Protein backbone atom coordinates (compact mmCIF):
# COMPACT_ATOMS: atom_id res chain seq x y z
CA MET A 1 -8.27 -13.71 15.77
CA ARG A 2 -4.79 -14.16 14.28
CA ASN A 3 -5.92 -17.12 12.14
CA ARG A 4 -8.89 -15.12 10.84
CA ALA A 5 -6.68 -12.15 9.95
CA PHE A 6 -4.36 -14.41 7.95
CA ARG A 7 -7.28 -16.15 6.25
CA ASP A 8 -9.23 -12.95 5.51
CA GLY A 9 -6.15 -10.95 4.50
CA VAL A 10 -7.18 -7.81 6.42
CA PHE A 11 -7.35 -6.64 10.04
CA LEU A 12 -7.51 -3.53 12.21
CA LEU A 13 -4.40 -2.47 14.11
CA GLU A 14 -4.60 -0.03 17.00
CA ILE A 15 -2.46 3.03 16.30
CA PRO A 16 0.64 2.82 18.53
CA PRO A 17 0.83 5.70 21.05
CA GLU A 18 4.16 6.85 19.62
CA LEU A 19 2.76 7.16 16.07
CA ASP A 20 1.28 10.60 15.33
CA VAL A 21 -0.89 10.47 12.21
CA SER A 22 -2.20 14.04 12.42
CA ALA A 23 0.21 15.45 9.81
CA GLY A 24 -0.77 12.69 7.38
CA ASP A 25 -4.45 13.43 7.93
CA ALA A 26 -3.85 17.12 7.23
CA PHE A 27 -1.83 16.41 4.07
CA ALA A 28 -4.51 14.03 2.76
CA ARG A 29 -7.21 16.65 3.27
CA GLN A 30 -5.33 19.39 1.41
CA PHE A 31 -2.76 18.20 -1.16
CA TYR A 32 -5.24 18.35 -4.07
CA GLU A 33 -6.52 21.91 -3.45
CA GLY A 34 -3.78 23.90 -5.20
CA PRO A 35 -1.17 26.46 -4.05
CA ALA A 36 -3.69 28.82 -2.45
CA ALA A 37 -4.31 26.20 0.24
CA THR A 38 -1.38 26.24 2.66
CA PRO A 39 0.78 24.47 3.56
CA TYR A 40 0.11 21.36 1.46
CA GLY A 41 -2.06 22.46 -1.48
CA ARG A 42 1.04 23.20 -3.61
CA PHE A 43 1.59 19.47 -4.12
CA ARG A 44 -1.18 19.45 -6.71
CA ASP A 45 1.25 21.15 -9.11
CA ILE A 46 4.07 18.64 -8.61
CA GLY A 47 3.83 16.07 -11.38
CA SER A 48 5.71 12.99 -12.45
CA ASP A 49 8.24 14.92 -14.57
CA ARG A 50 9.94 16.10 -11.39
CA PHE A 51 10.81 12.53 -10.43
CA GLY A 52 11.54 10.97 -13.79
CA ASP A 53 8.92 8.33 -13.08
CA PRO A 54 5.41 8.47 -14.60
CA LEU A 55 3.90 6.84 -11.51
CA LEU A 56 4.93 9.47 -8.98
CA GLY A 57 3.68 12.91 -8.03
CA PHE A 58 0.12 14.18 -8.45
CA HIS A 59 -2.41 12.32 -10.61
CA GLN A 60 -6.13 12.41 -11.34
CA ARG A 61 -7.47 8.96 -12.19
CA ILE A 62 -10.53 7.99 -14.19
CA ASN A 63 -11.99 6.68 -10.94
CA GLN A 64 -12.91 9.19 -8.24
CA ILE A 65 -9.39 9.33 -6.91
CA GLU A 66 -6.84 12.14 -6.89
CA GLN A 67 -3.47 11.01 -5.60
CA PHE A 68 -0.01 12.11 -4.56
CA LEU A 69 2.45 9.21 -4.50
CA LEU A 70 6.18 9.07 -3.74
CA GLU A 71 8.68 6.27 -3.44
CA ARG A 72 10.87 6.23 -0.32
CA ARG A 73 14.00 7.47 -2.09
CA PHE A 74 12.22 10.81 -2.64
CA TRP A 75 10.62 11.27 0.80
CA ALA A 76 13.37 13.23 2.55
CA ALA A 77 13.84 15.70 -0.29
CA ASP A 78 10.29 16.16 -1.56
CA TYR A 79 7.83 15.53 1.26
CA PRO A 80 7.70 18.04 4.14
CA PRO A 81 9.81 16.84 7.11
CA GLU A 82 6.77 15.78 9.15
CA ILE A 83 5.45 13.69 6.26
CA ALA A 84 8.84 12.08 5.55
CA ALA A 85 9.07 11.23 9.26
CA LEU A 86 5.60 9.68 9.14
CA GLY A 87 6.65 7.54 6.19
CA GLU A 88 9.70 6.26 8.06
CA ALA A 89 7.60 5.52 11.16
CA LEU A 90 5.17 3.51 9.05
CA THR A 91 8.10 1.64 7.48
CA ARG A 92 9.23 0.60 10.96
CA LEU A 93 5.70 -0.43 11.90
CA SER A 94 5.41 -2.43 8.68
CA ARG A 95 8.65 -4.25 9.53
CA GLN A 96 7.29 -5.10 12.98
CA VAL A 97 4.05 -6.53 11.59
CA LEU A 98 5.86 -8.41 8.83
CA ARG A 99 8.35 -10.04 11.19
CA SER A 100 5.50 -11.15 13.46
CA VAL A 101 3.75 -12.78 10.51
CA LEU A 102 6.91 -14.54 9.31
CA ALA A 103 7.48 -16.00 12.78
CA GLU A 104 3.85 -17.19 13.02
CA VAL A 105 3.86 -18.97 9.64
CA GLY A 106 7.12 -20.75 10.44
CA ILE A 107 9.62 -19.24 8.02
CA PRO A 108 13.12 -19.48 9.56
CA GLU A 109 14.54 -16.11 10.59
CA GLU A 110 17.71 -16.64 8.58
CA ASP A 111 15.54 -16.62 5.43
CA TRP A 112 13.58 -13.43 6.22
CA ARG A 113 15.88 -10.99 4.46
CA ARG A 114 15.86 -12.83 1.15
CA ALA A 115 12.23 -13.92 1.39
CA THR A 116 10.99 -10.33 1.76
CA GLY A 117 13.44 -8.53 -0.52
CA GLY A 118 14.77 -6.59 2.48
CA CYS A 119 11.42 -5.63 4.05
CA SER A 120 12.19 -7.53 7.26
CA GLN A 121 15.09 -5.06 7.75
CA CYS A 122 13.36 -1.87 6.48
CA ALA A 123 15.36 -2.28 3.25
CA GLY A 124 12.64 -3.08 0.75
CA SER A 125 10.72 -0.81 -1.62
CA TYR A 126 8.18 1.54 -0.03
CA HIS A 127 5.58 3.99 -1.28
CA LEU A 128 3.62 6.59 0.66
CA THR A 129 0.42 7.75 -1.00
CA PHE A 130 -2.29 10.31 -0.21
CA ASN A 131 -5.73 9.99 -1.75
CA HIS A 132 -8.79 12.19 -2.26
CA TYR A 133 -12.09 10.86 -3.61
CA ARG A 134 -14.11 13.31 -5.70
CA PRO A 135 -17.86 12.88 -5.12
CA ALA A 136 -18.64 15.04 -8.17
CA HIS A 137 -16.97 12.43 -10.37
CA GLU A 138 -19.55 9.74 -11.09
CA ASP A 139 -17.50 6.59 -11.01
CA ILE A 140 -16.46 3.95 -8.51
CA GLY A 141 -13.97 5.14 -5.92
CA LEU A 142 -11.28 2.62 -6.94
CA SER A 143 -11.62 -0.57 -8.97
CA SER A 144 -11.26 -4.00 -7.37
CA HIS A 145 -7.72 -5.39 -7.12
CA LYS A 146 -5.15 -7.12 -4.93
CA ASP A 147 -2.01 -5.26 -3.87
CA ASP A 148 1.24 -6.68 -5.20
CA GLY A 149 3.43 -6.18 -2.12
CA PHE A 150 3.68 -7.81 1.30
CA LEU A 151 1.40 -5.56 3.29
CA THR A 152 -0.39 -2.24 3.12
CA ILE A 153 -1.07 0.06 6.06
CA LEU A 154 -4.05 2.33 5.47
CA ARG A 155 -5.27 5.31 7.47
CA THR A 156 -8.84 6.45 6.89
CA THR A 157 -11.55 7.79 9.16
CA ALA A 158 -14.44 7.38 6.70
CA PRO A 159 -16.05 4.20 5.34
CA GLY A 160 -15.54 3.26 1.72
CA LEU A 161 -13.03 0.41 1.63
CA GLU A 162 -14.72 -2.89 0.76
CA VAL A 163 -13.30 -6.42 0.69
CA SER A 164 -14.56 -9.43 -1.23
CA ARG A 165 -15.74 -12.29 0.94
CA GLU A 166 -17.74 -15.31 -0.26
CA ASP A 167 -18.97 -13.62 -3.43
CA HIS A 168 -20.12 -10.40 -1.81
CA TRP A 169 -18.55 -7.06 -0.90
CA GLU A 170 -18.18 -6.27 2.79
CA THR A 171 -17.40 -2.82 4.20
CA VAL A 172 -14.28 -2.55 6.36
CA PRO A 173 -14.99 -0.39 9.42
CA ALA A 174 -13.06 2.88 9.64
CA HIS A 175 -12.08 3.34 13.27
CA PRO A 176 -10.38 6.64 14.21
CA ASP A 177 -8.00 4.87 16.60
CA CYS A 178 -7.02 2.09 14.22
CA LEU A 179 -5.11 1.51 11.01
CA ILE A 180 -6.28 -1.00 8.42
CA VAL A 181 -3.66 -3.58 7.43
CA ASN A 182 -4.11 -5.84 4.43
CA PHE A 183 -1.85 -8.41 2.81
CA GLY A 184 -0.75 -8.47 -0.82
CA LEU A 185 0.22 -11.02 -3.45
CA SER A 186 3.88 -11.19 -2.42
CA MET A 187 2.80 -12.37 1.05
CA GLU A 188 0.29 -14.84 -0.38
CA ILE A 189 2.93 -16.37 -2.67
CA LEU A 190 5.58 -16.48 0.07
CA THR A 191 3.38 -18.22 2.65
CA ALA A 192 1.26 -20.52 0.44
CA GLY A 193 3.38 -23.55 1.34
CA SER A 194 3.88 -22.63 4.99
CA ARG A 195 2.05 -23.99 8.04
CA MET A 196 -0.31 -21.00 8.04
CA PRO A 197 -0.95 -19.48 4.56
CA VAL A 198 -1.80 -15.78 4.39
CA ALA A 199 -4.36 -14.53 1.87
CA ALA A 200 -4.11 -11.47 -0.35
CA ILE A 201 -7.48 -9.74 -0.13
CA MET A 202 -9.43 -8.50 -3.14
CA HIS A 203 -10.65 -5.00 -2.34
CA ARG A 204 -12.05 -1.80 -3.80
CA VAL A 205 -13.37 1.60 -2.76
CA ALA A 206 -17.10 2.07 -3.31
CA ARG A 207 -18.43 5.18 -5.03
CA GLN A 208 -18.22 8.05 -2.54
CA GLN A 209 -21.05 10.53 -2.03
CA GLU A 210 -18.90 12.93 0.04
CA ASP A 211 -15.27 14.00 0.01
CA ARG A 212 -13.10 11.23 1.44
CA SER A 213 -9.37 11.31 2.17
CA SER A 214 -6.93 8.58 3.16
CA PHE A 215 -3.25 7.77 3.14
CA GLY A 216 -1.41 4.49 2.78
CA HIS A 217 2.02 2.89 3.09
CA PHE A 218 3.08 -0.02 0.85
CA SER A 219 5.88 -2.52 1.50
CA SER A 220 7.27 -4.47 -1.44
CA SER A 221 10.35 -6.51 -2.29
CA GLY A 222 13.38 -4.36 -3.10
CA CYS A 223 12.97 -3.06 -6.63
CA LEU A 224 14.97 0.14 -7.05
CA PRO A 225 15.97 1.17 -10.59
CA GLY A 226 18.39 -1.42 -11.93
CA GLU A 227 17.70 -3.82 -9.05
CA ASP A 228 15.15 -6.58 -8.51
CA GLU A 229 15.32 -8.83 -5.45
CA GLY A 230 12.54 -11.09 -6.68
CA ILE A 231 9.50 -12.86 -5.27
CA TYR A 232 9.91 -16.11 -3.31
CA ARG A 233 7.76 -18.92 -1.97
CA TYR A 234 8.62 -20.90 1.14
CA ILE A 235 8.09 -24.68 1.03
CA ARG A 236 8.30 -26.61 4.29
CA GLY A 237 11.21 -29.03 4.15
CA ARG A 238 12.69 -27.36 1.06
CA GLY A 239 13.16 -23.69 1.93
CA LEU A 240 12.87 -20.72 -0.42
CA GLU A 241 12.22 -20.92 -4.16
CA ARG A 242 12.31 -17.89 -6.46
CA VAL A 243 9.02 -17.48 -8.32
CA CYS A 244 9.54 -14.40 -10.47
CA GLY A 245 11.03 -10.93 -10.51
CA SER A 246 9.41 -8.21 -8.41
CA ARG A 247 8.77 -6.13 -11.51
CA GLU A 248 7.11 -9.06 -13.27
CA LEU A 249 4.57 -9.38 -10.45
CA ILE A 250 3.93 -5.64 -10.35
CA ASP A 251 3.47 -5.34 -14.10
CA GLU A 252 1.09 -8.29 -14.40
CA ASN A 253 -1.02 -7.27 -11.41
CA ASP A 254 -1.24 -3.56 -12.17
CA TYR A 255 -2.16 -4.06 -15.81
CA GLU A 256 -5.57 -5.23 -14.60
CA ILE A 257 -5.97 -2.22 -12.29
CA TYR A 258 -4.83 0.64 -14.49
CA ALA A 259 -5.52 -0.27 -18.08
CA GLY A 260 -7.42 2.73 -19.42
CA THR A 261 -6.35 5.22 -16.74
CA ASP A 262 -3.89 8.09 -16.99
CA ALA A 263 -1.27 5.81 -15.44
CA PRO A 264 0.81 3.68 -17.82
CA VAL A 265 0.47 -0.08 -17.92
CA GLY A 266 2.54 -1.53 -15.10
CA ALA A 267 1.89 1.43 -12.79
CA LYS A 268 2.10 1.11 -9.05
CA GLY A 269 -0.49 3.79 -8.56
CA ALA A 270 -3.69 4.72 -6.80
CA ARG A 271 -4.49 2.85 -3.62
CA ARG A 272 -7.39 3.33 -1.21
């Protein structure tokens, strides 16, 4: 099962008993409705100008998606306390999964901090996003892409996420007691020369015929303003080699996803 998860780049993870996702479900169902919908509808009116970053806040994309996205440095001040707490809990869960993967593929523990840009110590870059898919908008849910980070944790209770396998699209089951975890390009690059390479999965959201909500947590190499910890590959017998800057990987990958949307080129934006 572990080998298949690494090869496929996606797996289901049972929600830990201590992780309460109910507040995230409620936020995802309501954030796009406007101030009349309490308590979370007001987030529709909070745009990117509040954060000085064109990627953050509320956006409507040319796909079906409406989104509210914040980077970790804004969670405590701008998300409600229960949502900020959920983001931190998912950061800890992400660290746990990531450290398990690093041990399995044979990367020495003393290299974990540098290899992951701090993610092995909950010190990387993190985004928490909430998504609504508009069935009245006649377009695909979300275009096909690979995530640029190490891993993504997705919560959804409705089908729609599809992954590319052997030249066809396969639906990922949405289980109410499970999270969906998928690996990104940073993990694929890091582990390509290890004893057990991990794949970054190509995925999309199919066109939705009914309202669909989800939320996701993204773990990436540390890349705060003015900082860039970089992307590394591990080579057995040689150790870590720096491949490129974190921002270089994000910009190149996201150009393919968002060219032509309301997000600028290089955006780390809408996700499942």
